[in-house]
């Protein structure tokens, strides 16, 4: 799973959103791409080293984060 942590009001996210939707479609059956608005769902970032948005994380099948890409 790839999770993009950002905000609906974030200009970089607005530019990335179409690419993330396309990536989700291309990876169908192999991986899932999701978006989390950190302003609306701050608890979703608990324990993750997010210092800027947008930040993308890859998660293993067990739910543990693999590697952040900032």
N, C-alpha and C. Protein backbone atom coordinates (compact mmCIF):
# COMPACT_ATOMS: atom_id res chain seq x y z
N UNK A 1 0.84 -1.17 0.00
CA UNK A 1 0.00 0.00 0.00
C UNK A 1 0.89 1.23 0.00
N UNK A 2 0.48 2.21 -0.77
CA UNK A 2 1.15 3.50 -0.79
C UNK A 2 0.15 4.51 -0.24
N UNK A 3 0.57 5.26 0.78
CA UNK A 3 -0.31 6.26 1.36
C UNK A 3 0.34 7.63 1.20
N UNK A 4 -0.42 8.55 0.64
CA UNK A 4 0.02 9.93 0.49
C UNK A 4 -0.61 10.73 1.62
N UNK A 5 0.23 11.26 2.51
CA UNK A 5 -0.24 12.10 3.60
C UNK A 5 -0.09 13.55 3.15
N UNK A 6 -1.20 14.26 3.09
CA UNK A 6 -1.17 15.64 2.63
C UNK A 6 -2.40 16.38 3.12
N UNK A 7 -2.83 17.35 2.36
CA UNK A 7 -4.03 18.12 2.69
C UNK A 7 -4.72 18.52 1.39
N UNK A 8 -6.04 18.48 1.42
CA UNK A 8 -6.81 18.87 0.23
C UNK A 8 -6.44 20.27 -0.24
N UNK A 9 -6.05 21.13 0.71
CA UNK A 9 -5.73 22.52 0.39
C UNK A 9 -4.28 22.72 -0.03
N UNK A 10 -3.50 21.66 -0.04
CA UNK A 10 -2.07 21.71 -0.37
C UNK A 10 -1.87 21.73 -1.89
N UNK A 11 -1.23 22.78 -2.40
CA UNK A 11 -1.03 22.89 -3.85
C UNK A 11 -0.25 21.71 -4.43
N UNK A 12 0.84 21.25 -3.78
CA UNK A 12 1.53 20.08 -4.34
C UNK A 12 0.62 18.85 -4.42
N UNK A 13 -0.26 18.66 -3.42
CA UNK A 13 -1.19 17.53 -3.48
C UNK A 13 -2.14 17.68 -4.66
N UNK A 14 -2.64 18.88 -4.87
CA UNK A 14 -3.57 19.11 -5.98
C UNK A 14 -2.93 18.73 -7.32
N UNK A 15 -1.62 18.98 -7.43
CA UNK A 15 -0.91 18.62 -8.65
C UNK A 15 -0.66 17.12 -8.74
N UNK A 16 -0.44 16.48 -7.58
CA UNK A 16 -0.13 15.06 -7.55
C UNK A 16 -1.37 14.18 -7.64
N UNK A 17 -2.52 14.67 -7.22
CA UNK A 17 -3.73 13.85 -7.14
C UNK A 17 -4.04 13.08 -8.42
N UNK A 18 -4.02 13.71 -9.59
CA UNK A 18 -4.32 12.94 -10.81
C UNK A 18 -3.31 11.81 -11.05
N UNK A 19 -2.05 12.05 -10.71
CA UNK A 19 -1.03 11.02 -10.88
C UNK A 19 -1.24 9.86 -9.92
N UNK A 20 -1.65 10.17 -8.68
CA UNK A 20 -1.91 9.12 -7.70
C UNK A 20 -3.12 8.28 -8.10
N UNK A 21 -4.13 8.92 -8.66
CA UNK A 21 -5.31 8.19 -9.14
C UNK A 21 -4.91 7.25 -10.28
N UNK A 22 -4.10 7.76 -11.19
CA UNK A 22 -3.63 6.95 -12.32
C UNK A 22 -2.77 5.79 -11.82
N UNK A 23 -1.88 6.06 -10.87
CA UNK A 23 -1.03 5.01 -10.31
C UNK A 23 -1.86 3.94 -9.64
N UNK A 24 -2.90 4.34 -8.91
CA UNK A 24 -3.78 3.38 -8.25
C UNK A 24 -4.43 2.45 -9.28
N UNK A 25 -4.84 3.01 -10.40
CA UNK A 25 -5.47 2.20 -11.45
C UNK A 25 -4.45 1.26 -12.09
N UNK A 26 -3.24 1.74 -12.33
CA UNK A 26 -2.20 0.91 -12.93
C UNK A 26 -1.77 -0.24 -12.03
N UNK A 27 -1.79 -0.01 -10.73
CA UNK A 27 -1.34 -1.03 -9.77
C UNK A 27 -2.46 -1.93 -9.28
N UNK A 28 -3.65 -1.78 -9.82
CA UNK A 28 -4.80 -2.57 -9.38
C UNK A 28 -4.44 -4.05 -9.30
N UNK A 29 -4.72 -4.65 -8.17
CA UNK A 29 -4.41 -6.06 -7.96
C UNK A 29 -3.01 -6.30 -7.41
N UNK A 30 -2.16 -5.28 -7.44
CA UNK A 30 -0.79 -5.41 -6.94
C UNK A 30 -0.56 -4.55 -5.70
N UNK A 31 -1.12 -3.35 -5.72
CA UNK A 31 -0.97 -2.42 -4.60
C UNK A 31 -2.14 -1.45 -4.63
N UNK A 32 -2.31 -0.75 -3.53
CA UNK A 32 -3.38 0.24 -3.39
C UNK A 32 -2.74 1.58 -3.05
N UNK A 33 -3.23 2.64 -3.66
CA UNK A 33 -2.75 3.99 -3.36
C UNK A 33 -3.89 4.73 -2.68
N UNK A 34 -3.62 5.29 -1.50
CA UNK A 34 -4.63 6.01 -0.73
C UNK A 34 -4.12 7.40 -0.38
N UNK A 35 -5.05 8.31 -0.11
CA UNK A 35 -4.73 9.66 0.34
C UNK A 35 -5.31 9.87 1.73
N UNK A 36 -4.52 10.49 2.61
CA UNK A 36 -5.00 10.84 3.95
C UNK A 36 -4.78 12.34 4.14
N UNK A 37 -5.86 13.06 4.40
CA UNK A 37 -5.78 14.49 4.69
C UNK A 37 -5.37 14.62 6.16
N UNK A 38 -4.15 15.11 6.40
CA UNK A 38 -3.63 15.17 7.76
C UNK A 38 -4.33 16.21 8.62
N UNK A 39 -4.96 17.21 8.00
CA UNK A 39 -5.69 18.21 8.78
C UNK A 39 -7.02 17.64 9.27
N UNK A 40 -7.61 16.75 8.50
CA UNK A 40 -8.89 16.15 8.88
C UNK A 40 -8.70 14.86 9.66
N UNK A 41 -7.56 14.19 9.51
CA UNK A 41 -7.32 12.88 10.13
C UNK A 41 -5.93 12.84 10.77
N UNK A 42 -5.67 13.79 11.65
CA UNK A 42 -4.36 13.90 12.28
C UNK A 42 -3.92 12.65 13.01
N UNK A 43 -4.87 11.91 13.57
CA UNK A 43 -4.53 10.70 14.31
C UNK A 43 -3.92 9.64 13.41
N UNK A 44 -4.15 9.72 12.12
CA UNK A 44 -3.62 8.72 11.18
C UNK A 44 -2.10 8.82 11.04
N UNK A 45 -1.53 9.94 11.47
CA UNK A 45 -0.08 10.12 11.35
C UNK A 45 0.66 9.74 12.62
N UNK A 46 -0.04 9.31 13.64
CA UNK A 46 0.59 8.97 14.92
C UNK A 46 1.69 7.94 14.72
N UNK A 47 2.86 8.25 15.24
CA UNK A 47 3.99 7.32 15.16
C UNK A 47 4.76 7.38 13.86
N UNK A 48 4.33 8.20 12.92
CA UNK A 48 5.03 8.31 11.64
C UNK A 48 5.85 9.60 11.62
N UNK A 49 7.06 9.56 11.10
CA UNK A 49 7.93 10.74 11.11
C UNK A 49 7.60 11.72 9.97
N UNK A 50 6.41 12.27 10.01
CA UNK A 50 6.00 13.21 8.97
C UNK A 50 6.37 14.62 9.42
N UNK A 51 7.24 15.26 8.64
CA UNK A 51 7.68 16.61 8.97
C UNK A 51 7.21 17.64 7.96
N UNK A 52 6.75 17.17 6.82
CA UNK A 52 6.26 18.06 5.76
C UNK A 52 5.20 17.31 4.96
N UNK A 53 4.35 18.07 4.30
CA UNK A 53 3.37 17.43 3.42
C UNK A 53 3.51 18.02 2.03
N UNK A 54 3.28 17.21 1.04
CA UNK A 54 2.89 15.81 1.10
C UNK A 54 4.09 14.89 1.40
N UNK A 55 3.80 13.79 2.05
CA UNK A 55 4.77 12.73 2.32
C UNK A 55 4.11 11.41 1.95
N UNK A 56 4.86 10.57 1.25
CA UNK A 56 4.33 9.26 0.86
C UNK A 56 5.05 8.17 1.64
N UNK A 57 4.28 7.18 2.07
CA UNK A 57 4.83 6.01 2.74
C UNK A 57 4.40 4.76 2.00
N UNK A 58 5.30 3.81 1.94
CA UNK A 58 4.98 2.47 1.45
C UNK A 58 4.80 1.61 2.69
N UNK A 59 3.74 0.81 2.72
CA UNK A 59 3.47 -0.06 3.85
C UNK A 59 3.55 -1.51 3.42
N UNK A 60 4.15 -2.34 4.29
CA UNK A 60 4.20 -3.79 4.07
C UNK A 60 2.82 -4.38 4.26
N UNK A 61 2.67 -5.64 3.90
CA UNK A 61 1.39 -6.34 4.08
C UNK A 61 0.96 -6.38 5.54
N UNK A 62 1.93 -6.34 6.47
CA UNK A 62 1.58 -6.38 7.89
C UNK A 62 1.21 -5.00 8.45
N UNK A 63 1.25 -3.97 7.59
CA UNK A 63 0.87 -2.62 8.01
C UNK A 63 2.02 -1.77 8.49
N UNK A 64 3.23 -2.31 8.54
CA UNK A 64 4.38 -1.52 8.99
C UNK A 64 4.93 -0.69 7.83
N UNK A 65 5.35 0.55 8.13
CA UNK A 65 5.88 1.40 7.06
C UNK A 65 7.24 0.89 6.59
N UNK A 66 7.47 0.95 5.27
CA UNK A 66 8.74 0.52 4.70
C UNK A 66 9.74 1.66 4.66
N UNK A 67 9.35 2.77 4.01
CA UNK A 67 10.32 3.83 3.74
C UNK A 67 9.57 5.10 3.35
N UNK A 68 9.81 6.22 4.05
CA UNK A 68 9.14 7.45 3.64
C UNK A 68 9.85 8.11 2.47
N UNK A 69 9.07 8.73 1.60
CA UNK A 69 9.61 9.55 0.52
C UNK A 69 9.07 10.95 0.72
N UNK A 70 9.93 11.89 1.02
CA UNK A 70 9.48 13.26 1.30
C UNK A 70 9.80 14.13 0.11
